[in-house]
Amino acid sequence: MITTLSEGNKQTFRGDKLGRLLSDAFGGNCKTLMFVNTSPVASTNEETLSALNYASRVKLIRNEPTKNVETQEMSKLKNDIMQMAVDLDKHRNALHHCGLAPAKIE
């Protein structure tokens, strides 16, 4: 996945759980900061080299984050949802006052 993204190719994150979690960070709509921990101990040289190679591949990934802007249509839909919730509460209260308590919806 990292190799594909670092080469500038598009990546789908369907089968990879970690890839799905990191999809916004790697090639998505956000800026990402990565820290690599290394050790000067000789017994961890292989792991340190592996981590540095991984970080160098990640460094090649380029994305263009954009600010999420709420459109007028999104605002209207949010207002419609809020109005429906208010209407639903009114109807539930009316049923409750009439002795016809609605079944709970989970």
N, C-alpha and C. Protein backbone atom coordinates (compact mmCIF):
# COMPACT_ATOMS: atom_id res chain seq x y z
N MET A 1 0.83 -1.18 0.00
CA MET A 1 0.00 0.00 0.00
C MET A 1 0.88 1.26 0.00
N ILE A 2 1.86 1.32 0.88
CA ILE A 2 2.72 2.49 0.98
C ILE A 2 3.52 2.65 -0.31
N THR A 3 4.02 1.55 -0.85
CA THR A 3 4.78 1.62 -2.09
C THR A 3 3.92 2.16 -3.22
N THR A 4 2.69 1.68 -3.33
CA THR A 4 1.78 2.14 -4.37
C THR A 4 1.53 3.64 -4.25
N LEU A 5 1.26 4.11 -3.03
CA LEU A 5 0.99 5.53 -2.81
C LEU A 5 2.24 6.38 -3.05
N SER A 6 3.40 5.88 -2.64
CA SER A 6 4.62 6.66 -2.80
C SER A 6 5.03 6.79 -4.27
N GLU A 7 4.55 5.86 -5.11
CA GLU A 7 4.82 5.94 -6.55
C GLU A 7 3.82 6.84 -7.26
N GLY A 8 2.88 7.40 -6.51
CA GLY A 8 1.91 8.32 -7.09
C GLY A 8 0.66 7.66 -7.62
N ASN A 9 0.50 6.37 -7.40
CA ASN A 9 -0.68 5.65 -7.87
C ASN A 9 -1.80 5.75 -6.85
N LYS A 10 -3.03 5.64 -7.33
CA LYS A 10 -4.18 5.64 -6.43
C LYS A 10 -4.27 4.29 -5.74
N GLN A 11 -4.72 4.30 -4.51
CA GLN A 11 -4.80 3.07 -3.72
C GLN A 11 -6.20 2.92 -3.18
N THR A 12 -6.75 1.72 -3.28
CA THR A 12 -8.01 1.42 -2.62
C THR A 12 -7.69 0.72 -1.31
N PHE A 13 -8.49 0.96 -0.30
CA PHE A 13 -8.21 0.45 1.04
C PHE A 13 -9.24 -0.61 1.45
N ARG A 14 -9.76 -1.35 0.48
CA ARG A 14 -10.83 -2.30 0.76
C ARG A 14 -10.43 -3.43 1.70
N GLY A 15 -9.34 -4.12 1.41
CA GLY A 15 -9.03 -5.32 2.16
C GLY A 15 -8.08 -5.13 3.32
N ASP A 16 -7.62 -3.95 3.53
CA ASP A 16 -6.57 -3.71 4.52
C ASP A 16 -7.13 -2.87 5.66
N LYS A 17 -7.27 -3.46 6.85
CA LYS A 17 -7.85 -2.75 8.00
C LYS A 17 -6.99 -1.56 8.40
N LEU A 18 -5.67 -1.76 8.48
CA LEU A 18 -4.79 -0.65 8.84
C LEU A 18 -4.83 0.42 7.77
N GLY A 19 -4.88 0.00 6.52
CA GLY A 19 -4.97 0.95 5.42
C GLY A 19 -6.23 1.80 5.50
N ARG A 20 -7.34 1.17 5.88
CA ARG A 20 -8.58 1.93 6.05
C ARG A 20 -8.46 2.98 7.15
N LEU A 21 -7.83 2.59 8.25
CA LEU A 21 -7.65 3.53 9.35
C LEU A 21 -6.78 4.70 8.95
N LEU A 22 -5.78 4.43 8.11
CA LEU A 22 -4.83 5.47 7.72
C LEU A 22 -5.15 6.10 6.37
N SER A 23 -6.30 5.78 5.78
CA SER A 23 -6.61 6.26 4.43
C SER A 23 -6.64 7.78 4.34
N ASP A 24 -7.14 8.46 5.37
CA ASP A 24 -7.13 9.93 5.33
C ASP A 24 -5.71 10.46 5.46
N ALA A 25 -4.90 9.80 6.26
CA ALA A 25 -3.53 10.26 6.46
C ALA A 25 -2.67 10.02 5.23
N PHE A 26 -2.82 8.86 4.62
CA PHE A 26 -2.00 8.51 3.46
C PHE A 26 -2.82 8.67 2.19
N GLY A 27 -2.77 9.84 1.61
CA GLY A 27 -3.46 10.06 0.34
C GLY A 27 -4.86 10.59 0.50
N GLY A 28 -5.25 10.96 1.70
CA GLY A 28 -6.60 11.45 1.92
C GLY A 28 -6.66 12.96 2.02
N ASN A 29 -7.54 13.43 2.85
CA ASN A 29 -7.81 14.85 2.95
C ASN A 29 -7.31 15.42 4.27
N CYS A 30 -6.10 15.11 4.65
CA CYS A 30 -5.54 15.70 5.86
C CYS A 30 -4.02 15.73 5.77
N LYS A 31 -3.43 16.56 6.59
CA LYS A 31 -1.98 16.61 6.68
C LYS A 31 -1.56 15.63 7.77
N THR A 32 -0.42 14.99 7.56
CA THR A 32 0.02 13.95 8.47
C THR A 32 1.45 14.19 8.90
N LEU A 33 1.71 13.95 10.15
CA LEU A 33 3.05 14.05 10.70
C LEU A 33 3.44 12.67 11.19
N MET A 34 4.64 12.22 10.83
CA MET A 34 5.07 10.89 11.22
C MET A 34 6.39 10.97 11.98
N PHE A 35 6.45 10.26 13.09
CA PHE A 35 7.67 10.16 13.88
C PHE A 35 8.21 8.75 13.75
N VAL A 36 9.51 8.63 13.62
CA VAL A 36 10.14 7.31 13.56
C VAL A 36 11.09 7.20 14.74
N ASN A 37 10.88 6.18 15.56
CA ASN A 37 11.76 5.94 16.70
C ASN A 37 12.88 5.00 16.27
N THR A 38 14.08 5.38 16.55
CA THR A 38 15.23 4.54 16.24
C THR A 38 16.06 4.32 17.49
N SER A 39 16.95 3.36 17.40
CA SER A 39 17.78 3.04 18.55
C SER A 39 19.24 2.94 18.13
N PRO A 40 20.15 3.42 18.96
CA PRO A 40 21.57 3.30 18.63
C PRO A 40 22.15 1.92 18.95
N VAL A 41 21.36 1.05 19.56
CA VAL A 41 21.84 -0.27 19.96
C VAL A 41 22.05 -1.14 18.73
N ALA A 42 23.18 -1.80 18.66
CA ALA A 42 23.53 -2.61 17.49
C ALA A 42 22.55 -3.76 17.26
N SER A 43 21.98 -4.29 18.30
CA SER A 43 21.07 -5.44 18.16
C SER A 43 19.76 -5.07 17.47
N THR A 44 19.47 -3.77 17.36
CA THR A 44 18.22 -3.35 16.71
C THR A 44 18.47 -2.68 15.37
N ASN A 45 19.66 -2.86 14.81
CA ASN A 45 19.99 -2.22 13.53
C ASN A 45 19.01 -2.59 12.42
N GLU A 46 18.63 -3.86 12.33
CA GLU A 46 17.73 -4.30 11.28
C GLU A 46 16.36 -3.63 11.40
N GLU A 47 15.84 -3.57 12.63
CA GLU A 47 14.55 -2.92 12.86
C GLU A 47 14.63 -1.42 12.59
N THR A 48 15.72 -0.77 13.00
CA THR A 48 15.90 0.65 12.75
C THR A 48 15.96 0.94 11.25
N LEU A 49 16.70 0.12 10.51
CA LEU A 49 16.79 0.30 9.07
C LEU A 49 15.43 0.11 8.40
N SER A 50 14.69 -0.89 8.85
CA SER A 50 13.35 -1.13 8.31
C SER A 50 12.43 0.06 8.57
N ALA A 51 12.48 0.62 9.78
CA ALA A 51 11.65 1.77 10.12
C ALA A 51 12.03 2.99 9.28
N LEU A 52 13.32 3.20 9.07
CA LEU A 52 13.77 4.34 8.26
C LEU A 52 13.39 4.17 6.79
N ASN A 53 13.47 2.95 6.28
CA ASN A 53 13.04 2.69 4.90
C ASN A 53 11.54 2.96 4.74
N TYR A 54 10.76 2.50 5.72
CA TYR A 54 9.31 2.74 5.70
C TYR A 54 9.03 4.24 5.71
N ALA A 55 9.71 4.96 6.59
CA ALA A 55 9.49 6.41 6.69
C ALA A 55 9.88 7.12 5.40
N SER A 56 10.94 6.66 4.75
CA SER A 56 11.35 7.31 3.50
C SER A 56 10.32 7.07 2.40
N ARG A 57 9.68 5.89 2.39
CA ARG A 57 8.61 5.64 1.41
C ARG A 57 7.38 6.49 1.72
N VAL A 58 7.04 6.60 3.01
CA VAL A 58 5.88 7.41 3.40
C VAL A 58 6.12 8.88 3.04
N LYS A 59 7.35 9.33 3.17
CA LYS A 59 7.68 10.73 2.87
C LYS A 59 7.39 11.09 1.41
N LEU A 60 7.40 10.10 0.53
CA LEU A 60 7.15 10.34 -0.89
C LEU A 60 5.67 10.49 -1.23
N ILE A 61 4.80 10.13 -0.30
CA ILE A 61 3.36 10.24 -0.55
C ILE A 61 2.96 11.70 -0.57
N ARG A 62 2.24 12.09 -1.59
CA ARG A 62 1.78 13.48 -1.72
C ARG A 62 0.26 13.49 -1.80
N ASN A 63 -0.33 14.34 -1.02
CA ASN A 63 -1.77 14.55 -1.12
C ASN A 63 -2.04 16.04 -1.07
N GLU A 64 -3.23 16.40 -1.47
CA GLU A 64 -3.61 17.81 -1.48
C GLU A 64 -4.85 17.99 -0.62
N PRO A 65 -4.63 18.21 0.68
CA PRO A 65 -5.78 18.39 1.55
C PRO A 65 -6.54 19.66 1.22
N THR A 66 -7.85 19.57 1.29
CA THR A 66 -8.70 20.73 1.06
C THR A 66 -9.63 20.90 2.26
N LYS A 67 -10.00 22.12 2.49
CA LYS A 67 -10.88 22.43 3.60
C LYS A 67 -12.29 21.94 3.28
N ASN A 68 -12.90 21.24 4.23
CA ASN A 68 -14.28 20.79 4.06
C ASN A 68 -15.20 22.00 4.24
N VAL A 69 -15.96 22.29 3.21
CA VAL A 69 -16.84 23.44 3.24
C VAL A 69 -18.28 22.95 3.18
N GLU A 70 -19.09 23.48 4.08
CA GLU A 70 -20.50 23.10 4.09
C GLU A 70 -21.23 23.87 3.01
N THR A 71 -21.86 23.14 2.12
CA THR A 71 -22.61 23.77 1.03
C THR A 71 -23.99 24.18 1.52
N GLN A 72 -24.67 24.96 0.71
CA GLN A 72 -26.03 25.37 1.06
C GLN A 72 -26.95 24.16 1.14
N GLU A 73 -26.73 23.19 0.25
CA GLU A 73 -27.57 21.99 0.26
C GLU A 73 -27.36 21.20 1.55
N MET A 74 -26.10 21.10 2.01
CA MET A 74 -25.83 20.39 3.26
C MET A 74 -26.48 21.11 4.43
N SER A 75 -26.42 22.44 4.44
CA SER A 75 -27.06 23.21 5.51
C SER A 75 -28.56 22.98 5.52
N LYS A 76 -29.16 22.98 4.34
CA LYS A 76 -30.61 22.76 4.24
C LYS A 76 -30.97 21.37 4.74
N LEU A 77 -30.19 20.37 4.36
CA LEU A 77 -30.48 19.00 4.81
C LEU A 77 -30.33 18.87 6.32
N LYS A 78 -29.32 19.51 6.91
CA LYS A 78 -29.15 19.49 8.36
C LYS A 78 -30.34 20.15 9.05
N ASN A 79 -30.79 21.27 8.51
CA ASN A 79 -31.97 21.95 9.07
C ASN A 79 -33.21 21.08 8.95
N ASP A 80 -33.36 20.39 7.80
CA ASP A 80 -34.50 19.50 7.62
C ASP A 80 -34.49 18.37 8.65
N ILE A 81 -33.31 17.82 8.90
CA ILE A 81 -33.19 16.73 9.89
C ILE A 81 -33.54 17.23 11.28
N MET A 82 -33.05 18.42 11.63
CA MET A 82 -33.38 18.98 12.96
C MET A 82 -34.88 19.23 13.07
N GLN A 83 -35.50 19.73 12.01
CA GLN A 83 -36.95 20.00 12.04
C GLN A 83 -37.73 18.69 12.17
N MET A 84 -37.28 17.64 11.48
CA MET A 84 -37.95 16.34 11.59
C MET A 84 -37.84 15.78 13.00
N ALA A 85 -36.69 15.98 13.64
CA ALA A 85 -36.51 15.51 15.01
C ALA A 85 -37.44 16.25 15.96
N VAL A 86 -37.61 17.56 15.76
CA VAL A 86 -38.54 18.35 16.58
C VAL A 86 -39.97 17.86 16.36
N ASP A 87 -40.35 17.64 15.10
CA ASP A 87 -41.71 17.16 14.78
C ASP A 87 -41.95 15.78 15.40
N LEU A 88 -40.95 14.91 15.33
CA LEU A 88 -41.08 13.58 15.91
C LEU A 88 -41.31 13.66 17.41
N ASP A 89 -40.55 14.52 18.09
CA ASP A 89 -40.74 14.70 19.54
C ASP A 89 -42.14 15.21 19.86
N LYS A 90 -42.64 16.15 19.06
CA LYS A 90 -44.01 16.67 19.28
C LYS A 90 -45.04 15.55 19.15
N HIS A 91 -44.88 14.72 18.12
CA HIS A 91 -45.84 13.63 17.91
C HIS A 91 -45.75 12.59 19.03
N ARG A 92 -44.55 12.29 19.47
CA ARG A 92 -44.39 11.34 20.58
C ARG A 92 -45.02 11.89 21.85
N ASN A 93 -44.81 13.18 22.13
CA ASN A 93 -45.42 13.79 23.32
C ASN A 93 -46.93 13.78 23.23
N ALA A 94 -47.47 14.07 22.05
CA ALA A 94 -48.93 14.07 21.87
C ALA A 94 -49.49 12.67 22.11
N LEU A 95 -48.84 11.65 21.58
CA LEU A 95 -49.29 10.27 21.80
C LEU A 95 -49.21 9.89 23.27
N HIS A 96 -48.14 10.34 23.93
CA HIS A 96 -47.96 10.03 25.34
C HIS A 96 -49.07 10.66 26.17
N HIS A 97 -49.46 11.91 25.88
CA HIS A 97 -50.51 12.60 26.62
C HIS A 97 -51.87 11.98 26.38
N CYS A 98 -52.05 11.34 25.25
CA CYS A 98 -53.32 10.67 24.94
C CYS A 98 -53.37 9.26 25.51
N GLY A 99 -52.28 8.83 26.14
CA GLY A 99 -52.24 7.49 26.70
C GLY A 99 -51.82 6.45 25.69
N LEU A 100 -51.37 6.86 24.56
CA LEU A 100 -50.93 5.93 23.53
C LEU A 100 -49.42 6.03 23.37
N ALA A 101 -48.71 5.55 24.37
CA ALA A 101 -47.24 5.64 24.34
C ALA A 101 -46.71 4.79 23.19
N PRO A 102 -45.89 5.37 22.32
CA PRO A 102 -45.36 4.60 21.19
C PRO A 102 -44.31 3.59 21.67
N ALA A 103 -44.14 2.56 20.88
CA ALA A 103 -43.11 1.57 21.19
C ALA A 103 -41.74 2.22 21.02
N LYS A 104 -40.83 1.82 21.87
CA LYS A 104 -39.48 2.39 21.78
C LYS A 104 -38.80 1.89 20.52
N ILE A 105 -38.15 2.81 19.85
CA ILE A 105 -37.39 2.46 18.63
C ILE A 105 -35.91 2.55 19.00
N GLU A 106 -35.21 1.47 18.80
CA GLU A 106 -33.79 1.42 19.14
C GLU A 106 -32.96 1.63 17.90
